[in-house]
N, C-alpha and C. Protein backbone atom coordinates (compact mmCIF):
# COMPACT_ATOMS: atom_id res chain seq x y z
N MET A 1 110.15 112.68 101.86
CA MET A 1 108.93 112.34 101.15
C MET A 1 109.21 111.41 99.98
N LYS A 2 110.30 110.69 100.02
CA LYS A 2 110.69 109.88 98.86
C LYS A 2 109.65 108.86 98.49
N ALA A 3 109.14 108.09 99.47
CA ALA A 3 108.17 107.04 99.15
C ALA A 3 106.88 107.63 98.61
N LEU A 4 106.37 108.70 99.23
CA LEU A 4 105.14 109.31 98.76
C LEU A 4 105.34 109.97 97.41
N PHE A 5 106.52 110.57 97.17
CA PHE A 5 106.78 111.18 95.88
C PHE A 5 106.89 110.12 94.80
N CYS A 6 107.44 108.96 95.13
CA CYS A 6 107.55 107.88 94.15
C CYS A 6 106.17 107.45 93.67
N TYR A 7 105.20 107.40 94.59
CA TYR A 7 103.83 107.08 94.20
C TYR A 7 103.30 108.16 93.27
N PHE A 8 103.50 109.42 93.64
CA PHE A 8 103.02 110.55 92.84
C PHE A 8 103.64 110.51 91.44
N LEU A 9 104.95 110.31 91.37
CA LEU A 9 105.65 110.30 90.09
C LEU A 9 105.21 109.12 89.23
N ALA A 10 105.06 107.94 89.83
CA ALA A 10 104.62 106.77 89.07
C ALA A 10 103.22 107.00 88.52
N PHE A 11 102.38 107.64 89.30
CA PHE A 11 101.01 107.92 88.89
C PHE A 11 100.98 108.85 87.69
N ILE A 12 101.75 109.93 87.75
CA ILE A 12 101.72 110.92 86.67
C ILE A 12 102.49 110.46 85.44
N THR A 13 103.54 109.64 85.64
CA THR A 13 104.33 109.14 84.53
C THR A 13 103.57 108.10 83.72
N ALA A 14 102.65 107.41 84.36
CA ALA A 14 101.93 106.31 83.72
C ALA A 14 101.20 106.73 82.45
N PHE A 15 100.86 108.01 82.36
CA PHE A 15 100.11 108.42 81.17
C PHE A 15 100.76 109.60 80.44
N GLY A 16 101.93 110.02 80.89
CA GLY A 16 102.56 111.22 80.33
C GLY A 16 102.82 111.13 78.84
N ALA A 17 103.03 109.92 78.33
CA ALA A 17 103.35 109.76 76.92
C ALA A 17 102.10 109.61 76.05
N MET A 18 100.93 109.69 76.64
CA MET A 18 99.69 109.45 75.90
C MET A 18 99.19 110.69 75.18
N GLY A 19 99.84 111.83 75.34
CA GLY A 19 99.34 113.05 74.72
C GLY A 19 98.33 113.71 75.63
N CYS A 20 97.16 114.03 75.09
CA CYS A 20 96.11 114.66 75.89
C CYS A 20 95.29 113.57 76.55
N ALA A 21 95.38 113.49 77.86
CA ALA A 21 94.68 112.42 78.57
C ALA A 21 94.55 112.77 80.05
N SER A 22 93.66 112.06 80.73
CA SER A 22 93.53 112.18 82.17
C SER A 22 93.47 110.79 82.77
N VAL A 23 93.83 110.70 84.02
CA VAL A 23 93.79 109.41 84.72
C VAL A 23 93.41 109.67 86.17
N GLY A 24 92.86 108.65 86.81
CA GLY A 24 92.40 108.83 88.17
C GLY A 24 90.96 109.29 88.19
N LYS A 25 90.56 109.91 89.27
CA LYS A 25 89.18 110.35 89.43
C LYS A 25 89.15 111.70 90.11
N GLU A 26 88.41 112.63 89.54
CA GLU A 26 88.25 113.94 90.18
C GLU A 26 87.60 113.76 91.54
N PHE A 27 87.99 114.57 92.51
CA PHE A 27 87.39 114.52 93.84
C PHE A 27 87.26 115.94 94.36
N ASN A 28 86.41 116.11 95.35
CA ASN A 28 86.12 117.44 95.89
C ASN A 28 87.25 117.89 96.81
N TYR A 29 88.37 118.31 96.21
CA TYR A 29 89.56 118.66 96.98
C TYR A 29 89.34 119.82 97.93
N ALA A 30 88.34 120.66 97.67
CA ALA A 30 88.07 121.80 98.56
C ALA A 30 87.63 121.34 99.94
N LYS A 31 87.14 120.10 100.02
CA LYS A 31 86.68 119.56 101.31
C LYS A 31 87.83 119.21 102.24
N ARG A 32 89.06 119.24 101.75
CA ARG A 32 90.19 118.83 102.59
C ARG A 32 90.33 119.71 103.83
N SER A 33 89.81 120.92 103.78
CA SER A 33 89.88 121.81 104.95
C SER A 33 89.00 121.31 106.10
N ASP A 34 88.09 120.36 105.80
CA ASP A 34 87.23 119.80 106.83
C ASP A 34 87.87 118.62 107.56
N LEU A 35 89.02 118.16 107.08
CA LEU A 35 89.70 117.03 107.69
C LEU A 35 90.30 117.45 109.04
N VAL A 36 90.13 116.60 110.06
CA VAL A 36 90.68 116.89 111.39
C VAL A 36 91.43 115.66 111.89
N ILE A 37 92.74 115.83 112.11
CA ILE A 37 93.55 114.72 112.62
C ILE A 37 92.99 114.27 113.98
N GLY A 38 92.82 112.95 114.13
CA GLY A 38 92.33 112.40 115.38
C GLY A 38 90.82 112.41 115.52
N LYS A 39 90.10 112.98 114.55
CA LYS A 39 88.63 113.06 114.64
C LYS A 39 87.93 112.50 113.39
N THR A 40 88.43 112.83 112.20
CA THR A 40 87.79 112.38 110.97
C THR A 40 87.93 110.86 110.83
N SER A 41 86.81 110.18 110.57
CA SER A 41 86.81 108.73 110.38
C SER A 41 86.92 108.39 108.90
N MET A 42 87.13 107.11 108.60
CA MET A 42 87.18 106.67 107.22
C MET A 42 85.84 106.91 106.53
N ASN A 43 84.74 106.68 107.25
CA ASN A 43 83.41 106.93 106.70
C ASN A 43 83.22 108.42 106.40
N ASP A 44 83.70 109.27 107.31
CA ASP A 44 83.62 110.72 107.07
C ASP A 44 84.35 111.09 105.78
N ALA A 45 85.55 110.52 105.60
CA ALA A 45 86.36 110.82 104.42
C ALA A 45 85.66 110.39 103.13
N GLU A 46 85.04 109.21 103.16
CA GLU A 46 84.33 108.74 101.97
C GLU A 46 83.14 109.62 101.66
N GLN A 47 82.49 110.15 102.69
CA GLN A 47 81.38 111.06 102.45
C GLN A 47 81.86 112.38 101.84
N MET A 48 83.06 112.80 102.22
CA MET A 48 83.62 114.04 101.69
C MET A 48 84.12 113.88 100.25
N PHE A 49 84.85 112.78 100.01
CA PHE A 49 85.59 112.64 98.74
C PHE A 49 85.13 111.49 97.85
N GLY A 50 84.24 110.64 98.34
CA GLY A 50 83.82 109.49 97.56
C GLY A 50 84.78 108.33 97.76
N SER A 51 84.62 107.31 96.93
CA SER A 51 85.49 106.14 97.03
C SER A 51 86.90 106.50 96.60
N PRO A 52 87.92 106.01 97.31
CA PRO A 52 89.31 106.36 96.94
C PRO A 52 89.73 105.71 95.63
N PHE A 53 90.72 106.31 94.98
CA PHE A 53 91.30 105.75 93.77
C PHE A 53 92.05 104.46 94.10
N LYS A 54 92.65 104.44 95.29
CA LYS A 54 93.39 103.27 95.75
C LYS A 54 93.34 103.22 97.26
N SER A 55 93.27 102.01 97.82
CA SER A 55 93.29 101.87 99.28
C SER A 55 94.10 100.63 99.65
N SER A 56 94.63 100.64 100.88
CA SER A 56 95.44 99.52 101.33
C SER A 56 95.46 99.50 102.85
N THR A 57 95.92 98.38 103.41
CA THR A 57 96.09 98.23 104.85
C THR A 57 97.54 97.88 105.13
N VAL A 58 98.12 98.55 106.12
CA VAL A 58 99.52 98.32 106.48
C VAL A 58 99.58 97.96 107.96
N SER A 59 100.30 96.89 108.28
CA SER A 59 100.49 96.49 109.67
C SER A 59 101.97 96.54 110.02
N ASN A 60 102.27 97.11 111.19
CA ASN A 60 103.65 97.13 111.68
C ASN A 60 103.63 97.08 113.20
N ALA A 61 104.75 97.34 113.82
CA ALA A 61 104.85 97.25 115.28
C ALA A 61 103.93 98.24 116.00
N ASP A 62 103.52 99.29 115.30
CA ASP A 62 102.66 100.31 115.91
C ASP A 62 101.18 100.02 115.73
N GLY A 63 100.85 98.94 115.02
CA GLY A 63 99.45 98.58 114.83
C GLY A 63 99.06 98.49 113.37
N GLU A 64 97.76 98.59 113.13
CA GLU A 64 97.23 98.49 111.77
C GLU A 64 96.78 99.86 111.28
N PHE A 65 97.14 100.18 110.07
CA PHE A 65 96.81 101.47 109.47
C PHE A 65 96.08 101.23 108.14
N GLN A 66 95.08 102.04 107.87
CA GLN A 66 94.40 102.01 106.57
C GLN A 66 94.79 103.26 105.80
N VAL A 67 95.09 103.09 104.53
CA VAL A 67 95.52 104.21 103.69
C VAL A 67 94.56 104.37 102.51
N MET A 68 94.09 105.58 102.32
CA MET A 68 93.21 105.91 101.19
C MET A 68 93.89 106.97 100.34
N ARG A 69 93.92 106.74 99.03
CA ARG A 69 94.54 107.70 98.12
C ARG A 69 93.52 108.19 97.09
N TYR A 70 93.43 109.50 96.97
CA TYR A 70 92.60 110.14 95.96
C TYR A 70 93.55 110.82 94.97
N SER A 71 93.38 110.52 93.69
CA SER A 71 94.35 111.01 92.70
C SER A 71 93.67 111.38 91.40
N TYR A 72 94.15 112.47 90.81
CA TYR A 72 93.68 112.88 89.49
C TYR A 72 94.84 113.57 88.78
N ALA A 73 95.05 113.21 87.53
CA ALA A 73 96.13 113.84 86.74
C ALA A 73 95.64 114.13 85.33
N TYR A 74 96.25 115.13 84.74
CA TYR A 74 95.89 115.53 83.37
C TYR A 74 97.16 115.91 82.62
N ALA A 75 97.23 115.51 81.37
CA ALA A 75 98.39 115.85 80.54
C ALA A 75 97.94 116.28 79.15
N ASP A 76 98.61 117.30 78.62
CA ASP A 76 98.47 117.67 77.21
C ASP A 76 99.85 118.13 76.76
N ILE A 77 99.95 118.74 75.61
CA ILE A 77 101.27 119.09 75.07
C ILE A 77 101.99 120.14 75.92
N THR A 78 101.25 120.85 76.78
CA THR A 78 101.89 121.87 77.63
C THR A 78 102.51 121.26 78.88
N GLY A 79 102.12 120.05 79.23
CA GLY A 79 102.70 119.42 80.41
C GLY A 79 101.73 118.51 81.15
N ALA A 80 102.26 117.79 82.11
CA ALA A 80 101.47 116.88 82.95
C ALA A 80 101.43 117.44 84.36
N LYS A 81 100.26 117.37 84.98
CA LYS A 81 100.09 117.87 86.34
C LYS A 81 99.11 116.96 87.08
N ALA A 82 99.20 116.98 88.39
CA ALA A 82 98.34 116.08 89.17
C ALA A 82 98.02 116.68 90.53
N ARG A 83 96.98 116.13 91.14
CA ARG A 83 96.67 116.43 92.54
C ARG A 83 96.42 115.09 93.23
N THR A 84 96.94 114.95 94.44
CA THR A 84 96.73 113.74 95.22
C THR A 84 96.42 114.10 96.66
N LEU A 85 95.56 113.32 97.25
CA LEU A 85 95.25 113.43 98.67
C LEU A 85 95.48 112.06 99.27
N THR A 86 96.41 111.96 100.20
CA THR A 86 96.73 110.71 100.86
C THR A 86 96.26 110.79 102.31
N LEU A 87 95.42 109.83 102.70
CA LEU A 87 94.87 109.81 104.05
C LEU A 87 95.26 108.49 104.72
N GLU A 88 95.78 108.58 105.92
CA GLU A 88 96.14 107.40 106.71
C GLU A 88 95.29 107.40 107.98
N PHE A 89 94.72 106.24 108.30
CA PHE A 89 93.86 106.10 109.48
C PHE A 89 94.45 105.08 110.44
N ARG A 90 94.32 105.36 111.72
CA ARG A 90 94.74 104.44 112.77
C ARG A 90 93.58 104.33 113.75
N ASN A 91 93.12 103.12 114.00
CA ASN A 91 91.92 102.91 114.83
C ASN A 91 90.73 103.68 114.28
N ASN A 92 90.64 103.71 112.94
CA ASN A 92 89.55 104.35 112.20
C ASN A 92 89.50 105.87 112.34
N LEU A 93 90.56 106.48 112.85
CA LEU A 93 90.62 107.94 112.95
C LEU A 93 91.81 108.46 112.16
N LEU A 94 91.63 109.61 111.54
CA LEU A 94 92.65 110.18 110.67
C LEU A 94 93.96 110.40 111.42
N ASN A 95 95.03 109.81 110.91
CA ASN A 95 96.35 109.91 111.52
C ASN A 95 97.28 110.79 110.70
N THR A 96 97.10 110.76 109.37
CA THR A 96 97.93 111.55 108.46
C THR A 96 97.09 112.03 107.29
N SER A 97 97.32 113.25 106.87
CA SER A 97 96.67 113.82 105.69
C SER A 97 97.71 114.62 104.92
N ILE A 98 97.89 114.29 103.64
CA ILE A 98 98.88 115.00 102.82
C ILE A 98 98.25 115.35 101.47
N TYR A 99 98.28 116.63 101.14
CA TYR A 99 97.72 117.10 99.86
C TYR A 99 98.83 117.70 99.02
N ASN A 100 98.82 117.39 97.73
CA ASN A 100 99.84 117.87 96.80
C ASN A 100 99.17 118.17 95.47
N SER A 101 99.31 119.39 94.97
CA SER A 101 98.68 119.75 93.70
C SER A 101 99.57 120.64 92.85
N GLY A 102 99.63 120.29 91.57
CA GLY A 102 100.35 121.11 90.60
C GLY A 102 99.41 121.93 89.73
N PHE A 103 98.10 121.87 90.02
CA PHE A 103 97.11 122.66 89.29
C PHE A 103 97.11 124.09 89.85
N SER A 104 96.97 125.06 88.97
CA SER A 104 97.07 126.46 89.40
C SER A 104 95.97 126.86 90.38
N GLU A 105 94.77 126.31 90.23
CA GLU A 105 93.66 126.74 91.08
C GLU A 105 93.78 126.28 92.53
N ASP A 106 94.57 125.25 92.79
CA ASP A 106 94.74 124.78 94.16
C ASP A 106 96.19 124.38 94.42
N SER A 107 97.09 125.08 93.79
CA SER A 107 98.52 124.78 93.90
C SER A 107 98.99 124.76 95.35
N THR A 108 99.84 123.80 95.66
CA THR A 108 100.41 123.71 97.02
C THR A 108 101.82 124.30 97.08
N GLU A 109 102.16 125.11 96.08
CA GLU A 109 103.48 125.74 96.07
C GLU A 109 103.67 126.60 97.32
N PHE A 110 104.88 126.62 97.85
CA PHE A 110 105.16 127.36 99.07
C PHE A 110 106.54 128.00 98.97
N LYS A 111 106.83 128.92 99.89
CA LYS A 111 108.12 129.62 99.90
C LYS A 111 109.15 128.76 100.62
N THR A 112 110.25 128.49 99.96
CA THR A 112 111.32 127.70 100.58
C THR A 112 112.37 128.57 101.26
N GLU A 113 112.47 129.82 100.84
CA GLU A 113 113.53 130.69 101.34
C GLU A 113 113.36 131.08 102.81
N VAL A 114 112.17 130.83 103.37
CA VAL A 114 111.92 131.22 104.77
C VAL A 114 112.31 130.11 105.76
N LEU A 115 112.71 128.95 105.25
CA LEU A 115 113.03 127.82 106.12
C LEU A 115 114.07 128.15 107.20
N PRO A 116 115.14 128.92 106.90
CA PRO A 116 116.14 129.21 107.94
C PRO A 116 115.59 129.98 109.15
N GLN A 117 114.39 130.54 109.03
CA GLN A 117 113.80 131.26 110.16
C GLN A 117 113.25 130.32 111.23
N ILE A 118 113.14 129.02 110.90
CA ILE A 118 112.62 128.04 111.85
C ILE A 118 113.79 127.38 112.57
N ASN A 119 113.76 127.37 113.90
CA ASN A 119 114.87 126.86 114.71
C ASN A 119 114.46 125.68 115.56
N ARG A 120 115.24 124.58 115.45
CA ARG A 120 115.01 123.41 116.30
C ARG A 120 115.19 123.81 117.77
N GLY A 121 114.31 123.31 118.62
CA GLY A 121 114.42 123.54 120.04
C GLY A 121 113.98 124.91 120.50
N ASN A 122 113.54 125.75 119.57
CA ASN A 122 113.17 127.12 119.93
C ASN A 122 111.82 127.55 119.33
N SER A 123 111.66 127.36 118.02
CA SER A 123 110.43 127.80 117.36
C SER A 123 109.23 126.99 117.84
N LYS A 124 108.08 127.64 117.95
CA LYS A 124 106.83 127.00 118.36
C LYS A 124 105.91 126.88 117.15
N LYS A 125 104.81 126.16 117.33
CA LYS A 125 103.84 125.98 116.24
C LYS A 125 103.37 127.33 115.69
N VAL A 126 103.09 128.26 116.59
CA VAL A 126 102.60 129.57 116.13
C VAL A 126 103.66 130.28 115.28
N ASP A 127 104.92 130.08 115.62
CA ASP A 127 106.00 130.69 114.84
C ASP A 127 106.07 130.07 113.45
N VAL A 128 105.99 128.74 113.40
CA VAL A 128 106.07 128.03 112.13
C VAL A 128 104.90 128.40 111.23
N LEU A 129 103.71 128.51 111.81
CA LEU A 129 102.53 128.90 111.04
C LEU A 129 102.68 130.30 110.47
N ARG A 130 103.24 131.20 111.26
CA ARG A 130 103.46 132.57 110.79
C ARG A 130 104.50 132.61 109.67
N ILE A 131 105.53 131.81 109.79
CA ILE A 131 106.62 131.82 108.81
C ILE A 131 106.24 131.10 107.51
N MET A 132 105.63 129.91 107.65
CA MET A 132 105.38 129.05 106.50
C MET A 132 103.96 129.13 105.95
N GLY A 133 103.01 129.56 106.77
CA GLY A 133 101.61 129.48 106.36
C GLY A 133 101.07 128.09 106.64
N GLU A 134 99.80 127.85 106.30
CA GLU A 134 99.16 126.57 106.58
C GLU A 134 99.88 125.42 105.88
N PRO A 135 100.14 124.33 106.60
CA PRO A 135 100.79 123.18 105.95
C PRO A 135 99.84 122.49 104.98
N THR A 136 100.40 121.78 104.02
CA THR A 136 99.57 121.01 103.08
C THR A 136 99.30 119.61 103.62
N GLY A 137 99.90 119.29 104.76
CA GLY A 137 99.65 118.00 105.38
C GLY A 137 100.06 118.00 106.83
N LYS A 138 99.48 117.05 107.58
CA LYS A 138 99.84 116.85 108.98
C LYS A 138 99.85 115.36 109.27
N ALA A 139 100.74 114.95 110.17
CA ALA A 139 100.82 113.54 110.54
C ALA A 139 101.01 113.43 112.05
N ARG A 140 100.32 112.47 112.64
CA ARG A 140 100.57 112.12 114.04
C ARG A 140 101.65 111.04 114.06
N CYS A 141 102.45 111.07 115.09
CA CYS A 141 103.46 110.03 115.27
C CYS A 141 102.94 109.00 116.26
N PRO A 142 103.12 107.68 115.94
CA PRO A 142 103.81 107.14 114.76
C PRO A 142 102.89 107.07 113.54
N SER A 143 103.52 106.86 112.38
CA SER A 143 102.82 106.70 111.11
C SER A 143 103.35 105.45 110.43
N SER A 144 102.56 104.88 109.54
CA SER A 144 103.02 103.71 108.79
C SER A 144 103.92 104.08 107.62
N PHE A 145 103.96 105.38 107.27
CA PHE A 145 104.76 105.82 106.13
C PHE A 145 106.24 105.89 106.51
N SER A 146 107.08 105.25 105.72
CA SER A 146 108.52 105.25 106.00
C SER A 146 109.10 106.65 105.96
N ASP A 147 108.45 107.57 105.23
CA ASP A 147 108.92 108.95 105.14
C ASP A 147 108.97 109.65 106.50
N PHE A 148 108.20 109.15 107.46
CA PHE A 148 108.11 109.81 108.76
C PHE A 148 108.85 109.07 109.87
N LYS A 149 109.47 107.95 109.54
CA LYS A 149 110.10 107.13 110.58
C LYS A 149 111.16 107.89 111.37
N SER A 150 112.10 108.53 110.68
CA SER A 150 113.19 109.22 111.39
C SER A 150 112.73 110.52 112.04
N ILE A 151 111.89 111.27 111.34
CA ILE A 151 111.49 112.57 111.89
C ILE A 151 110.52 112.42 113.06
N CYS A 152 109.85 111.29 113.16
CA CYS A 152 108.91 111.06 114.26
C CYS A 152 109.61 110.71 115.58
N GLU A 153 110.90 110.40 115.54
CA GLU A 153 111.61 110.09 116.77
C GLU A 153 111.60 111.29 117.71
N ASN A 154 111.18 111.09 118.93
CA ASN A 154 111.07 112.15 119.94
C ASN A 154 110.11 113.27 119.53
N SER A 155 109.14 112.93 118.68
CA SER A 155 108.16 113.92 118.21
C SER A 155 106.76 113.34 118.33
N THR A 156 105.77 114.22 118.38
CA THR A 156 104.37 113.79 118.46
C THR A 156 103.58 114.12 117.21
N GLU A 157 104.04 115.12 116.45
CA GLU A 157 103.31 115.57 115.27
C GLU A 157 104.28 116.12 114.23
N VAL A 158 103.91 115.97 112.96
CA VAL A 158 104.72 116.50 111.86
C VAL A 158 103.82 117.32 110.94
N TRP A 159 104.29 118.50 110.58
CA TRP A 159 103.62 119.31 109.56
C TRP A 159 104.41 119.19 108.27
N ILE A 160 103.68 119.15 107.13
CA ILE A 160 104.31 118.93 105.83
C ILE A 160 103.87 120.00 104.84
N TRP A 161 104.83 120.47 104.06
CA TRP A 161 104.57 121.31 102.90
C TRP A 161 105.18 120.57 101.72
N VAL A 162 104.39 120.27 100.69
CA VAL A 162 104.90 119.54 99.53
C VAL A 162 104.28 120.10 98.25
N TYR A 163 105.12 120.20 97.23
CA TYR A 163 104.66 120.73 95.95
C TYR A 163 105.39 120.02 94.82
N THR A 164 104.63 119.54 93.86
CA THR A 164 105.20 118.92 92.67
C THR A 164 104.78 119.73 91.46
N GLN A 165 105.76 120.31 90.80
CA GLN A 165 105.47 121.22 89.70
C GLN A 165 105.02 120.47 88.46
N LYS A 166 104.39 121.19 87.56
CA LYS A 166 103.97 120.67 86.27
C LYS A 166 105.20 120.32 85.43
N SER A 167 105.10 119.26 84.64
CA SER A 167 106.23 118.88 83.78
C SER A 167 106.37 119.85 82.62
N LYS A 168 107.52 119.86 82.00
CA LYS A 168 107.75 120.65 80.79
C LYS A 168 107.37 119.80 79.60
N GLY A 169 106.26 120.15 78.98
CA GLY A 169 105.74 119.31 77.91
C GLY A 169 105.38 117.94 78.47
N LEU A 170 105.59 116.91 77.70
CA LEU A 170 105.26 115.56 78.13
C LEU A 170 106.46 114.82 78.71
N ASP A 171 107.56 115.54 78.94
CA ASP A 171 108.75 114.93 79.50
C ASP A 171 108.64 114.89 81.02
N THR A 172 108.17 113.76 81.57
CA THR A 172 107.96 113.66 83.01
C THR A 172 109.27 113.65 83.79
N ARG A 173 110.40 113.54 83.10
CA ARG A 173 111.69 113.61 83.80
C ARG A 173 111.95 115.02 84.33
N THR A 174 111.20 116.00 83.84
CA THR A 174 111.38 117.39 84.28
C THR A 174 110.56 117.70 85.54
N ILE A 175 109.79 116.74 86.03
CA ILE A 175 108.98 116.97 87.23
C ILE A 175 109.89 117.05 88.44
N LYS A 176 109.69 118.06 89.24
CA LYS A 176 110.48 118.24 90.46
C LYS A 176 109.56 118.43 91.66
N SER A 177 109.86 117.72 92.73
CA SER A 177 109.07 117.84 93.95
C SER A 177 109.90 118.48 95.05
N THR A 178 109.28 119.38 95.79
CA THR A 178 109.93 120.06 96.91
C THR A 178 109.12 119.83 98.17
N PHE A 179 109.79 119.55 99.28
CA PHE A 179 109.06 119.34 100.52
C PHE A 179 109.82 119.91 101.71
N ILE A 180 109.06 120.23 102.74
CA ILE A 180 109.59 120.59 104.05
C ILE A 180 108.75 119.87 105.09
N LYS A 181 109.40 119.20 106.03
CA LYS A 181 108.71 118.55 107.14
C LYS A 181 109.24 119.15 108.44
N VAL A 182 108.33 119.58 109.29
CA VAL A 182 108.70 120.15 110.59
C VAL A 182 108.01 119.33 111.68
N ALA A 183 108.79 118.76 112.58
CA ALA A 183 108.25 117.94 113.66
C ALA A 183 108.19 118.73 114.96
N PHE A 184 107.21 118.40 115.80
CA PHE A 184 107.03 119.07 117.08
C PHE A 184 107.01 118.04 118.21
N ASN A 185 107.52 118.44 119.37
CA ASN A 185 107.46 117.57 120.54
C ASN A 185 106.15 117.81 121.29
N ALA A 186 105.99 117.18 122.44
CA ALA A 186 104.74 117.28 123.21
C ALA A 186 104.47 118.70 123.70
N ASN A 187 105.49 119.55 123.72
CA ASN A 187 105.33 120.94 124.15
C ASN A 187 105.14 121.91 122.98
N ASP A 188 104.89 121.35 121.79
CA ASP A 188 104.68 122.14 120.57
C ASP A 188 105.91 122.95 120.16
N ILE A 189 107.10 122.45 120.52
CA ILE A 189 108.36 123.06 120.12
C ILE A 189 108.95 122.24 118.97
N VAL A 190 109.56 122.90 117.99
CA VAL A 190 110.17 122.21 116.86
C VAL A 190 111.26 121.27 117.34
N SER A 191 111.12 119.99 117.02
CA SER A 191 112.09 118.98 117.44
C SER A 191 112.97 118.49 116.30
N ASN A 192 112.51 118.65 115.06
CA ASN A 192 113.29 118.19 113.92
C ASN A 192 112.79 118.85 112.65
N ILE A 193 113.66 118.94 111.66
CA ILE A 193 113.32 119.50 110.36
C ILE A 193 113.97 118.65 109.27
N GLU A 194 113.21 118.30 108.26
CA GLU A 194 113.74 117.62 107.08
C GLU A 194 113.22 118.33 105.84
N SER A 195 114.05 118.45 104.82
CA SER A 195 113.57 119.11 103.60
C SER A 195 114.39 118.70 102.40
N SER A 196 113.83 118.99 101.22
CA SER A 196 114.55 118.78 99.97
C SER A 196 115.15 120.09 99.47
N VAL A 197 115.01 121.15 100.25
CA VAL A 197 115.53 122.46 99.88
C VAL A 197 117.04 122.40 99.79
N ASP A 198 117.56 122.86 98.65
CA ASP A 198 119.00 122.88 98.37
C ASP A 198 119.59 121.47 98.24
N ASN A 199 118.73 120.45 98.11
CA ASN A 199 119.21 119.09 97.90
C ASN A 199 119.46 118.84 96.42
């Protein structure tokens, strides 16, 4: 998740030294449960969340992708925290959805110690869901995000768990992000795993 985390970190660092401040735009993050990979359109997303904070178009060998980012961050003397929703569309249908929040009311924090229970070539989607709980993001392969290039090889779908903790005071160097990505093949069997756990 290096590229996506770099965006998150740059976003939150941009105002960390300002004291008490907010940046970005609040959005109805509770609506993210209505997102459906392969069905939600860009128009549907705008109706759910409003205009994105940032949008872009990416073209590569796999076609043209549209990316919409919804972001909101807040900082005071106790620390800086943010929530971001990144949506990628291919042929106007949702291809990737990733949510990350350091706010207590919708925190995406997850258990990392259960990762060894997931086995490549053996565990199924139902097993991963039981072990990890609902992912904070899903991606269809291929994706325009470089973070998914290697894990998408021989895979059809990737589930993501990502959490970026609140900074200690206004020192954004203390921000730490943790992620787990689990890829599945066409038979819904785990084909690959990538994580920042113990990195």
